[in-house]
All heavy atoms as atom14 arrays in JSON, in Angstrom:
{
  "sequence": "ARPTDPKGHASRFALALDSLPQQMLVAEQFVLKLSYAAAGETFTGSIP",
  "atom14_mask": [
    [1, 1, 1, 1, 1, 0, 0, 0, 0, 0, 0, 0, 0, 0],
    [1, 1, 1, 1, 1, 1, 1, 1, 1, 1, 1, 0, 0, 0],
    [1, 1, 1, 1, 1, 1, 1, 0, 0, 0, 0, 0, 0, 0],
    [1, 1, 1, 1, 1, 1, 1, 0, 0, 0, 0, 0, 0, 0],
    [1, 1, 1, 1, 1, 1, 1, 1, 0, 0, 0, 0, 0, 0],
    [1, 1, 1, 1, 1, 1, 1, 0, 0, 0, 0, 0, 0, 0],
    [1, 1, 1, 1, 1, 1, 1, 1, 1, 0, 0, 0, 0, 0],
    [1, 1, 1, 1, 0, 0, 0, 0, 0, 0, 0, 0, 0, 0],
    [1, 1, 1, 1, 1, 1, 1, 1, 1, 1, 0, 0, 0, 0],
    [1, 1, 1, 1, 1, 0, 0, 0, 0, 0, 0, 0, 0, 0],
    [1, 1, 1, 1, 1, 1, 0, 0, 0, 0, 0, 0, 0, 0],
    [1, 1, 1, 1, 1, 1, 1, 1, 1, 1, 1, 0, 0, 0],
    [1, 1, 1, 1, 1, 1, 1, 1, 1, 1, 1, 0, 0, 0],
    [1, 1, 1, 1, 1, 0, 0, 0, 0, 0, 0, 0, 0, 0],
    [1, 1, 1, 1, 1, 1, 1, 1, 0, 0, 0, 0, 0, 0],
    [1, 1, 1, 1, 1, 0, 0, 0, 0, 0, 0, 0, 0, 0],
    [1, 1, 1, 1, 1, 1, 1, 1, 0, 0, 0, 0, 0, 0],
    [1, 1, 1, 1, 1, 1, 1, 1, 0, 0, 0, 0, 0, 0],
    [1, 1, 1, 1, 1, 1, 0, 0, 0, 0, 0, 0, 0, 0],
    [1, 1, 1, 1, 1, 1, 1, 1, 0, 0, 0, 0, 0, 0],
    [1, 1, 1, 1, 1, 1, 1, 0, 0, 0, 0, 0, 0, 0],
    [1, 1, 1, 1, 1, 1, 1, 1, 1, 0, 0, 0, 0, 0],
    [1, 1, 1, 1, 1, 1, 1, 1, 1, 0, 0, 0, 0, 0],
    [1, 1, 1, 1, 1, 1, 1, 1, 0, 0, 0, 0, 0, 0],
    [1, 1, 1, 1, 1, 1, 1, 1, 0, 0, 0, 0, 0, 0],
    [1, 1, 1, 1, 1, 1, 1, 0, 0, 0, 0, 0, 0, 0],
    [1, 1, 1, 1, 1, 0, 0, 0, 0, 0, 0, 0, 0, 0],
    [1, 1, 1, 1, 1, 1, 1, 1, 1, 0, 0, 0, 0, 0],
    [1, 1, 1, 1, 1, 1, 1, 1, 1, 0, 0, 0, 0, 0],
    [1, 1, 1, 1, 1, 1, 1, 1, 1, 1, 1, 0, 0, 0],
    [1, 1, 1, 1, 1, 1, 1, 0, 0, 0, 0, 0, 0, 0],
    [1, 1, 1, 1, 1, 1, 1, 1, 0, 0, 0, 0, 0, 0],
    [1, 1, 1, 1, 1, 1, 1, 1, 1, 0, 0, 0, 0, 0],
    [1, 1, 1, 1, 1, 1, 1, 1, 0, 0, 0, 0, 0, 0],
    [1, 1, 1, 1, 1, 1, 0, 0, 0, 0, 0, 0, 0, 0],
    [1, 1, 1, 1, 1, 1, 1, 1, 1, 1, 1, 1, 0, 0],
    [1, 1, 1, 1, 1, 0, 0, 0, 0, 0, 0, 0, 0, 0],
    [1, 1, 1, 1, 1, 0, 0, 0, 0, 0, 0, 0, 0, 0],
    [1, 1, 1, 1, 1, 0, 0, 0, 0, 0, 0, 0, 0, 0],
    [1, 1, 1, 1, 0, 0, 0, 0, 0, 0, 0, 0, 0, 0],
    [1, 1, 1, 1, 1, 1, 1, 1, 1, 0, 0, 0, 0, 0],
    [1, 1, 1, 1, 1, 1, 1, 0, 0, 0, 0, 0, 0, 0],
    [1, 1, 1, 1, 1, 1, 1, 1, 1, 1, 1, 0, 0, 0],
    [1, 1, 1, 1, 1, 1, 1, 0, 0, 0, 0, 0, 0, 0],
    [1, 1, 1, 1, 0, 0, 0, 0, 0, 0, 0, 0, 0, 0],
    [1, 1, 1, 1, 1, 1, 0, 0, 0, 0, 0, 0, 0, 0],
    [1, 1, 1, 1, 1, 1, 1, 1, 0, 0, 0, 0, 0, 0],
    [1, 1, 1, 1, 1, 1, 1, 0, 0, 0, 0, 0, 0, 0]
  ],
  "atom14_positions": [
    [[-10.03, 49.32, 29.85], [-10.96, 48.22, 29.62], [-10.98, 47.76, 28.17], [-10.9, 48.58, 27.25], [-12.37, 48.63, 30.04], [0.0, 0.0, 0.0], [0.0, 0.0, 0.0], [0.0, 0.0, 0.0], [0.0, 0.0, 0.0], [0.0, 0.0, 0.0], [0.0, 0.0, 0.0], [0.0, 0.0, 0.0], [0.0, 0.0, 0.0], [0.0, 0.0, 0.0]],
    [[-11.05, 46.46, 28.0], [-11.25, 45.89, 26.67], [-12.71, 46.12, 26.28], [-13.58, 46.23, 27.15], [-10.97, 44.4, 26.69], [-9.53, 44.02, 26.96], [-9.46, 42.5, 27.07], [-8.13, 42.0, 27.0], [-7.53, 41.35, 28.0], [-8.14, 41.16, 29.14], [-6.3, 40.9, 27.84], [0.0, 0.0, 0.0], [0.0, 0.0, 0.0], [0.0, 0.0, 0.0]],
    [[-13.01, 46.14, 24.99], [-14.4, 46.33, 24.56], [-15.35, 45.26, 25.12], [-16.53, 45.52, 25.31], [-14.33, 46.24, 23.03], [-12.92, 46.57, 22.69], [-12.09, 46.1, 23.85], [0.0, 0.0, 0.0], [0.0, 0.0, 0.0], [0.0, 0.0, 0.0], [0.0, 0.0, 0.0], [0.0, 0.0, 0.0], [0.0, 0.0, 0.0], [0.0, 0.0, 0.0]],
    [[-14.83, 44.08, 25.43], [-15.67, 42.99, 25.94], [-15.84, 43.01, 27.46], [-16.62, 42.23, 27.99], [-15.08, 41.63, 25.53], [-13.73, 41.56, 26.0], [-15.11, 41.45, 24.02], [0.0, 0.0, 0.0], [0.0, 0.0, 0.0], [0.0, 0.0, 0.0], [0.0, 0.0, 0.0], [0.0, 0.0, 0.0], [0.0, 0.0, 0.0], [0.0, 0.0, 0.0]],
    [[-15.12, 43.9, 28.16], [-15.25, 43.99, 29.62], [-16.6, 44.62, 29.97], [-17.04, 45.56, 29.31], [-14.13, 44.85, 30.21], [-12.77, 44.17, 30.17], [-12.71, 42.94, 30.02], [-11.76, 44.89, 30.3], [0.0, 0.0, 0.0], [0.0, 0.0, 0.0], [0.0, 0.0, 0.0], [0.0, 0.0, 0.0], [0.0, 0.0, 0.0], [0.0, 0.0, 0.0]],
    [[-17.25, 44.11, 31.03], [-18.52, 44.72, 31.47], [-18.29, 46.18, 31.88], [-17.21, 46.55, 32.32], [-18.92, 43.89, 32.67], [-18.1, 42.65, 32.63], [-16.86, 42.98, 31.87], [0.0, 0.0, 0.0], [0.0, 0.0, 0.0], [0.0, 0.0, 0.0], [0.0, 0.0, 0.0], [0.0, 0.0, 0.0], [0.0, 0.0, 0.0], [0.0, 0.0, 0.0]],
    [[-19.34, 46.99, 31.76], [-19.26, 48.4, 32.14], [-18.81, 48.5, 33.6], [-19.31, 47.8, 34.47], [-20.61, 49.08, 31.95], [-20.55, 50.56, 32.2], [-21.84, 51.23, 31.89], [-21.66, 52.71, 32.17], [-22.67, 53.52, 31.59], [0.0, 0.0, 0.0], [0.0, 0.0, 0.0], [0.0, 0.0, 0.0], [0.0, 0.0, 0.0], [0.0, 0.0, 0.0]],
    [[-17.85, 49.39, 33.88], [-17.35, 49.59, 35.23], [-16.31, 48.56, 35.65], [-15.89, 48.56, 36.8], [0.0, 0.0, 0.0], [0.0, 0.0, 0.0], [0.0, 0.0, 0.0], [0.0, 0.0, 0.0], [0.0, 0.0, 0.0], [0.0, 0.0, 0.0], [0.0, 0.0, 0.0], [0.0, 0.0, 0.0], [0.0, 0.0, 0.0], [0.0, 0.0, 0.0]],
    [[-15.9, 47.69, 34.75], [-14.9, 46.67, 35.02], [-13.76, 46.8, 34.01], [-13.95, 47.33, 32.91], [-15.5, 45.27, 34.88], [-16.48, 44.92, 35.95], [-17.69, 45.54, 36.1], [-16.42, 43.98, 36.91], [-18.34, 45.01, 37.11], [-17.59, 44.06, 37.63], [0.0, 0.0, 0.0], [0.0, 0.0, 0.0], [0.0, 0.0, 0.0], [0.0, 0.0, 0.0]],
    [[-12.6, 46.27, 34.36], [-11.48, 46.25, 33.42], [-10.61, 45.02, 33.68], [-10.43, 44.61, 34.82], [-10.63, 47.51, 33.55], [0.0, 0.0, 0.0], [0.0, 0.0, 0.0], [0.0, 0.0, 0.0], [0.0, 0.0, 0.0], [0.0, 0.0, 0.0], [0.0, 0.0, 0.0], [0.0, 0.0, 0.0], [0.0, 0.0, 0.0], [0.0, 0.0, 0.0]],
    [[-10.11, 44.44, 32.61], [-9.19, 43.31, 32.72], [-7.81, 43.68, 32.18], [-6.95, 42.83, 32.03], [-9.75, 42.1, 31.95], [-9.91, 42.42, 30.59], [0.0, 0.0, 0.0], [0.0, 0.0, 0.0], [0.0, 0.0, 0.0], [0.0, 0.0, 0.0], [0.0, 0.0, 0.0], [0.0, 0.0, 0.0], [0.0, 0.0, 0.0], [0.0, 0.0, 0.0]],
    [[-7.63, 44.98, 31.88], [-6.34, 45.48, 31.4], [-6.12, 46.85, 32.05], [-7.04, 47.66, 32.12], [-6.39, 45.59, 29.88], [-5.14, 46.09, 29.22], [-5.25, 46.08, 27.71], [-6.4, 46.84, 27.27], [-6.96, 46.72, 26.06], [-6.47, 45.88, 25.18], [-7.99, 47.45, 25.73], [0.0, 0.0, 0.0], [0.0, 0.0, 0.0], [0.0, 0.0, 0.0]],
    [[-4.88, 47.08, 32.52], [-4.53, 48.32, 33.21], [-3.19, 48.8, 32.66], [-2.31, 47.98, 32.35], [-4.44, 48.08, 34.71], [-5.76, 47.66, 35.3], [-6.18, 46.34, 35.26], [-6.59, 48.6, 35.88], [-7.4, 45.95, 35.77], [-7.82, 48.22, 36.41], [-8.23, 46.9, 36.35], [0.0, 0.0, 0.0], [0.0, 0.0, 0.0], [0.0, 0.0, 0.0]],
    [[-3.01, 50.12, 32.52], [-1.8, 50.65, 31.88], [-1.18, 51.8, 32.67], [-1.86, 52.52, 33.4], [-2.14, 51.11, 30.47], [0.0, 0.0, 0.0], [0.0, 0.0, 0.0], [0.0, 0.0, 0.0], [0.0, 0.0, 0.0], [0.0, 0.0, 0.0], [0.0, 0.0, 0.0], [0.0, 0.0, 0.0], [0.0, 0.0, 0.0], [0.0, 0.0, 0.0]],
    [[0.13, 51.96, 32.47], [0.92, 53.02, 33.07], [1.86, 53.55, 32.0], [2.63, 52.78, 31.41], [1.73, 52.47, 34.26], [2.76, 53.39, 34.9], [2.07, 54.55, 35.62], [3.64, 52.61, 35.86], [0.0, 0.0, 0.0], [0.0, 0.0, 0.0], [0.0, 0.0, 0.0], [0.0, 0.0, 0.0], [0.0, 0.0, 0.0], [0.0, 0.0, 0.0]],
    [[1.83, 54.87, 31.75], [2.7, 55.49, 30.74], [4.16, 55.42, 31.19], [4.48, 55.73, 32.34], [2.29, 56.93, 30.5], [0.0, 0.0, 0.0], [0.0, 0.0, 0.0], [0.0, 0.0, 0.0], [0.0, 0.0, 0.0], [0.0, 0.0, 0.0], [0.0, 0.0, 0.0], [0.0, 0.0, 0.0], [0.0, 0.0, 0.0], [0.0, 0.0, 0.0]],
    [[5.05, 55.01, 30.27], [6.48, 54.98, 30.59], [7.01, 56.35, 30.96], [7.9, 56.48, 31.8], [7.27, 54.44, 29.39], [7.16, 52.95, 29.11], [7.91, 52.59, 27.84], [7.66, 52.13, 30.28], [0.0, 0.0, 0.0], [0.0, 0.0, 0.0], [0.0, 0.0, 0.0], [0.0, 0.0, 0.0], [0.0, 0.0, 0.0], [0.0, 0.0, 0.0]],
    [[6.45, 57.4, 30.35], [6.91, 58.76, 30.63], [6.64, 59.2, 32.07], [7.21, 60.17, 32.54], [6.27, 59.75, 29.66], [6.71, 59.52, 28.23], [7.79, 58.93, 28.02], [5.98, 59.91, 27.31], [0.0, 0.0, 0.0], [0.0, 0.0, 0.0], [0.0, 0.0, 0.0], [0.0, 0.0, 0.0], [0.0, 0.0, 0.0], [0.0, 0.0, 0.0]],
    [[5.77, 58.47, 32.79], [5.48, 58.83, 34.17], [6.5, 58.25, 35.15], [6.45, 58.55, 36.33], [4.07, 58.37, 34.55], [4.0, 56.96, 34.57], [0.0, 0.0, 0.0], [0.0, 0.0, 0.0], [0.0, 0.0, 0.0], [0.0, 0.0, 0.0], [0.0, 0.0, 0.0], [0.0, 0.0, 0.0], [0.0, 0.0, 0.0], [0.0, 0.0, 0.0]],
    [[7.42, 57.43, 34.65], [8.43, 56.81, 35.51], [9.74, 57.57, 35.41], [10.11, 58.05, 34.35], [8.66, 55.36, 35.09], [7.46, 54.44, 35.27], [7.73, 53.09, 34.61], [7.14, 54.26, 36.73], [0.0, 0.0, 0.0], [0.0, 0.0, 0.0], [0.0, 0.0, 0.0], [0.0, 0.0, 0.0], [0.0, 0.0, 0.0], [0.0, 0.0, 0.0]],
    [[10.49, 57.66, 36.51], [11.78, 58.35, 36.46], [12.81, 57.53, 35.66], [12.72, 56.31, 35.57], [12.19, 58.45, 37.92], [11.46, 57.36, 38.6], [10.18, 57.15, 37.84], [0.0, 0.0, 0.0], [0.0, 0.0, 0.0], [0.0, 0.0, 0.0], [0.0, 0.0, 0.0], [0.0, 0.0, 0.0], [0.0, 0.0, 0.0], [0.0, 0.0, 0.0]],
    [[13.77, 58.24, 35.1], [14.8, 57.6, 34.29], [15.53, 56.51, 35.07], [15.85, 55.46, 34.52], [15.81, 58.64, 33.81], [16.93, 58.03, 33.0], [17.97, 59.05, 32.6], [17.83, 60.23, 32.88], [19.01, 58.59, 31.96], [0.0, 0.0, 0.0], [0.0, 0.0, 0.0], [0.0, 0.0, 0.0], [0.0, 0.0, 0.0], [0.0, 0.0, 0.0]],
    [[15.78, 56.72, 36.36], [16.5, 55.74, 37.17], [15.76, 54.4, 37.18], [16.37, 53.35, 37.2], [16.69, 56.23, 38.61], [17.54, 57.46, 38.73], [16.72, 58.75, 38.59], [15.58, 58.74, 38.14], [17.33, 59.86, 38.97], [0.0, 0.0, 0.0], [0.0, 0.0, 0.0], [0.0, 0.0, 0.0], [0.0, 0.0, 0.0], [0.0, 0.0, 0.0]],
    [[14.45, 54.45, 37.17], [13.65, 53.22, 37.14], [13.82, 52.53, 35.79], [13.96, 51.32, 35.71], [12.18, 53.58, 37.42], [11.18, 52.52, 37.13], [11.42, 51.0, 38.04], [10.69, 49.87, 36.87], [0.0, 0.0, 0.0], [0.0, 0.0, 0.0], [0.0, 0.0, 0.0], [0.0, 0.0, 0.0], [0.0, 0.0, 0.0], [0.0, 0.0, 0.0]],
    [[13.81, 53.33, 34.74], [13.87, 52.76, 33.39], [15.2, 52.08, 33.08], [15.26, 51.2, 32.25], [13.58, 53.84, 32.34], [12.17, 54.44, 32.42], [12.04, 55.6, 31.45], [11.11, 53.4, 32.18], [0.0, 0.0, 0.0], [0.0, 0.0, 0.0], [0.0, 0.0, 0.0], [0.0, 0.0, 0.0], [0.0, 0.0, 0.0], [0.0, 0.0, 0.0]],
    [[16.27, 52.49, 33.75], [17.58, 51.9, 33.48], [18.03, 50.92, 34.56], [19.13, 50.4, 34.5], [18.66, 52.98, 33.25], [18.33, 53.83, 32.05], [18.86, 53.84, 34.49], [0.0, 0.0, 0.0], [0.0, 0.0, 0.0], [0.0, 0.0, 0.0], [0.0, 0.0, 0.0], [0.0, 0.0, 0.0], [0.0, 0.0, 0.0], [0.0, 0.0, 0.0]],
    [[17.17, 50.68, 35.54], [17.53, 49.75, 36.62], [17.73, 48.34, 36.07], [16.99, 47.89, 35.2], [16.44, 49.74, 37.7], [0.0, 0.0, 0.0], [0.0, 0.0, 0.0], [0.0, 0.0, 0.0], [0.0, 0.0, 0.0], [0.0, 0.0, 0.0], [0.0, 0.0, 0.0], [0.0, 0.0, 0.0], [0.0, 0.0, 0.0], [0.0, 0.0, 0.0]],
    [[18.76, 47.64, 36.56], [19.03, 46.27, 36.11], [18.0, 45.28, 36.62], [17.78, 44.25, 36.01], [20.42, 45.84, 36.56], [21.53, 46.54, 35.81], [22.88, 45.99, 36.2], [22.97, 44.8, 36.57], [23.85, 46.75, 36.12], [0.0, 0.0, 0.0], [0.0, 0.0, 0.0], [0.0, 0.0, 0.0], [0.0, 0.0, 0.0], [0.0, 0.0, 0.0]],
    [[17.38, 45.59, 37.74], [16.34, 44.72, 38.27], [15.36, 45.56, 39.08], [15.7, 46.64, 39.55], [16.93, 43.6, 39.11], [17.68, 44.06, 40.33], [18.33, 42.88, 41.04], [18.15, 41.73, 40.67], [19.06, 43.17, 42.08], [0.0, 0.0, 0.0], [0.0, 0.0, 0.0], [0.0, 0.0, 0.0], [0.0, 0.0, 0.0], [0.0, 0.0, 0.0]],
    [[14.15, 45.05, 39.21], [13.14, 45.71, 40.03], [12.15, 44.67, 40.52], [12.1, 43.55, 40.01], [12.42, 46.82, 39.27], [11.65, 46.37, 38.06], [10.38, 45.81, 38.16], [12.2, 46.52, 36.78], [9.68, 45.39, 37.04], [11.51, 46.11, 35.67], [10.24, 45.55, 35.78], [0.0, 0.0, 0.0], [0.0, 0.0, 0.0], [0.0, 0.0, 0.0]],
    [[11.37, 45.07, 41.5], [10.24, 44.27, 41.97], [9.02, 45.17, 41.85], [9.06, 46.32, 42.29], [10.41, 43.8, 43.42], [9.15, 43.09, 43.92], [11.62, 42.88, 43.55], [0.0, 0.0, 0.0], [0.0, 0.0, 0.0], [0.0, 0.0, 0.0], [0.0, 0.0, 0.0], [0.0, 0.0, 0.0], [0.0, 0.0, 0.0], [0.0, 0.0, 0.0]],
    [[7.97, 44.66, 41.23], [6.71, 45.38, 41.15], [5.72, 44.69, 42.07], [5.47, 43.49, 41.92], [6.18, 45.4, 39.71], [4.77, 45.96, 39.53], [4.66, 47.4, 40.03], [4.36, 45.86, 38.07], [0.0, 0.0, 0.0], [0.0, 0.0, 0.0], [0.0, 0.0, 0.0], [0.0, 0.0, 0.0], [0.0, 0.0, 0.0], [0.0, 0.0, 0.0]],
    [[5.2, 45.43, 43.02], [4.16, 44.92, 43.91], [2.85, 45.57, 43.49], [2.78, 46.79, 43.35], [4.46, 45.26, 45.37], [5.8, 44.74, 45.81], [5.67, 43.81, 46.95], [7.06, 43.35, 47.38], [7.09, 42.03, 47.81], [0.0, 0.0, 0.0], [0.0, 0.0, 0.0], [0.0, 0.0, 0.0], [0.0, 0.0, 0.0], [0.0, 0.0, 0.0]],
    [[1.82, 44.75, 43.27], [0.51, 45.23, 42.84], [-0.52, 44.92, 43.92], [-0.38, 43.92, 44.64], [0.09, 44.54, 41.54], [0.95, 44.84, 40.33], [0.7, 43.83, 39.23], [0.66, 46.25, 39.83], [0.0, 0.0, 0.0], [0.0, 0.0, 0.0], [0.0, 0.0, 0.0], [0.0, 0.0, 0.0], [0.0, 0.0, 0.0], [0.0, 0.0, 0.0]],
    [[-1.56, 45.75, 44.01], [-2.64, 45.44, 44.94], [-3.98, 45.87, 44.38], [-4.07, 46.81, 43.58], [-2.39, 46.09, 46.31], [-2.42, 47.49, 46.21], [0.0, 0.0, 0.0], [0.0, 0.0, 0.0], [0.0, 0.0, 0.0], [0.0, 0.0, 0.0], [0.0, 0.0, 0.0], [0.0, 0.0, 0.0], [0.0, 0.0, 0.0], [0.0, 0.0, 0.0]],
    [[-5.0, 45.15, 44.81], [-6.37, 45.38, 44.39], [-7.27, 45.04, 45.58], [-7.14, 43.98, 46.18], [-6.7, 44.48, 43.18], [-8.18, 44.34, 42.92], [-8.92, 45.4, 42.42], [-8.82, 43.14, 43.15], [-10.27, 45.26, 42.16], [-10.18, 42.99, 42.89], [-10.89, 44.06, 42.4], [-12.24, 43.93, 42.15], [0.0, 0.0, 0.0], [0.0, 0.0, 0.0]],
    [[-8.17, 45.95, 45.95], [-9.07, 45.72, 47.07], [-10.5, 45.54, 46.58], [-10.96, 46.28, 45.69], [-9.01, 46.89, 48.05], [0.0, 0.0, 0.0], [0.0, 0.0, 0.0], [0.0, 0.0, 0.0], [0.0, 0.0, 0.0], [0.0, 0.0, 0.0], [0.0, 0.0, 0.0], [0.0, 0.0, 0.0], [0.0, 0.0, 0.0], [0.0, 0.0, 0.0]],
    [[-11.19, 44.55, 47.13], [-12.6, 44.3, 46.79], [-13.27, 43.61, 47.95], [-12.7, 42.69, 48.56], [-12.7, 43.43, 45.53], [0.0, 0.0, 0.0], [0.0, 0.0, 0.0], [0.0, 0.0, 0.0], [0.0, 0.0, 0.0], [0.0, 0.0, 0.0], [0.0, 0.0, 0.0], [0.0, 0.0, 0.0], [0.0, 0.0, 0.0], [0.0, 0.0, 0.0]],
    [[-14.49, 44.03, 48.26], [-15.31, 43.41, 49.3], [-14.54, 43.23, 50.62], [-14.6, 42.18, 51.24], [-15.85, 42.08, 48.81], [0.0, 0.0, 0.0], [0.0, 0.0, 0.0], [0.0, 0.0, 0.0], [0.0, 0.0, 0.0], [0.0, 0.0, 0.0], [0.0, 0.0, 0.0], [0.0, 0.0, 0.0], [0.0, 0.0, 0.0], [0.0, 0.0, 0.0]],
    [[-13.8, 44.25, 50.99], [-13.08, 44.21, 52.26], [-11.81, 43.39, 52.26], [-11.16, 43.26, 53.29], [0.0, 0.0, 0.0], [0.0, 0.0, 0.0], [0.0, 0.0, 0.0], [0.0, 0.0, 0.0], [0.0, 0.0, 0.0], [0.0, 0.0, 0.0], [0.0, 0.0, 0.0], [0.0, 0.0, 0.0], [0.0, 0.0, 0.0], [0.0, 0.0, 0.0]],
    [[-11.44, 42.82, 51.13], [-10.19, 42.04, 51.03], [-9.22, 42.75, 50.09], [-9.64, 43.36, 49.12], [-10.47, 40.64, 50.46], [-11.08, 39.68, 51.45], [-11.03, 38.27, 50.89], [-9.94, 37.67, 50.88], [-12.08, 37.8, 50.45], [0.0, 0.0, 0.0], [0.0, 0.0, 0.0], [0.0, 0.0, 0.0], [0.0, 0.0, 0.0], [0.0, 0.0, 0.0]],
    [[-7.95, 42.64, 50.38], [-6.92, 43.17, 49.49], [-6.11, 42.01, 48.95], [-5.63, 41.17, 49.71], [-6.0, 44.16, 50.24], [-6.79, 45.24, 50.73], [-4.92, 44.69, 49.3], [0.0, 0.0, 0.0], [0.0, 0.0, 0.0], [0.0, 0.0, 0.0], [0.0, 0.0, 0.0], [0.0, 0.0, 0.0], [0.0, 0.0, 0.0], [0.0, 0.0, 0.0]],
    [[-6.01, 41.97, 47.64], [-5.22, 40.94, 46.96], [-3.95, 41.59, 46.45], [-3.96, 42.71, 45.95], [-6.02, 40.34, 45.79], [-7.31, 39.73, 46.23], [-8.5, 40.4, 46.06], [-7.33, 38.48, 46.84], [-9.7, 39.84, 46.47], [-8.52, 37.91, 47.26], [-9.71, 38.6, 47.07], [0.0, 0.0, 0.0], [0.0, 0.0, 0.0], [0.0, 0.0, 0.0]],
    [[-2.84, 40.88, 46.6], [-1.56, 41.43, 46.18], [-0.87, 40.5, 45.21], [-1.13, 39.29, 45.19], [-0.63, 41.67, 47.39], [-0.4, 40.42, 48.04], [-1.24, 42.67, 48.37], [0.0, 0.0, 0.0], [0.0, 0.0, 0.0], [0.0, 0.0, 0.0], [0.0, 0.0, 0.0], [0.0, 0.0, 0.0], [0.0, 0.0, 0.0], [0.0, 0.0, 0.0]],
    [[0.01, 41.08, 44.42], [0.84, 40.31, 43.5], [2.24, 40.88, 43.52], [2.43, 42.07, 43.77], [0.0, 0.0, 0.0], [0.0, 0.0, 0.0], [0.0, 0.0, 0.0], [0.0, 0.0, 0.0], [0.0, 0.0, 0.0], [0.0, 0.0, 0.0], [0.0, 0.0, 0.0], [0.0, 0.0, 0.0], [0.0, 0.0, 0.0], [0.0, 0.0, 0.0]],
    [[3.22, 40.04, 43.26], [4.61, 40.47, 43.27], [5.3, 39.93, 42.01], [5.16, 38.75, 41.68], [5.31, 39.94, 44.52], [6.66, 40.34, 44.53], [0.0, 0.0, 0.0], [0.0, 0.0, 0.0], [0.0, 0.0, 0.0], [0.0, 0.0, 0.0], [0.0, 0.0, 0.0], [0.0, 0.0, 0.0], [0.0, 0.0, 0.0], [0.0, 0.0, 0.0]],
    [[6.03, 40.81, 41.33], [6.73, 40.43, 40.1], [8.18, 40.9, 40.19], [8.46, 42.08, 39.99], [6.07, 41.05, 38.86], [4.59, 40.69, 38.8], [6.8, 40.64, 37.59], [3.79, 41.5, 37.82], [0.0, 0.0, 0.0], [0.0, 0.0, 0.0], [0.0, 0.0, 0.0], [0.0, 0.0, 0.0], [0.0, 0.0, 0.0], [0.0, 0.0, 0.0]],
    [[9.12, 40.01, 40.51], [10.53, 40.4, 40.43], [10.99, 40.27, 38.98], [10.6, 39.35, 38.28], [11.23, 39.38, 41.33], [10.31, 38.22, 41.42], [8.93, 38.69, 41.1], [0.0, 0.0, 0.0], [0.0, 0.0, 0.0], [0.0, 0.0, 0.0], [0.0, 0.0, 0.0], [0.0, 0.0, 0.0], [0.0, 0.0, 0.0], [0.0, 0.0, 0.0]]
  ]
}
């Protein structure tokens, strides 16, 4: 969370590079699929 985000909310999310396998880090291409659920709905995003 940024300092300006309300308590219990976040507008920034992070993942340590060290948590990913080497094969992922050297891949020429990838697709990242993201999801977030709220109020019974799931929102998804895709980043090739």
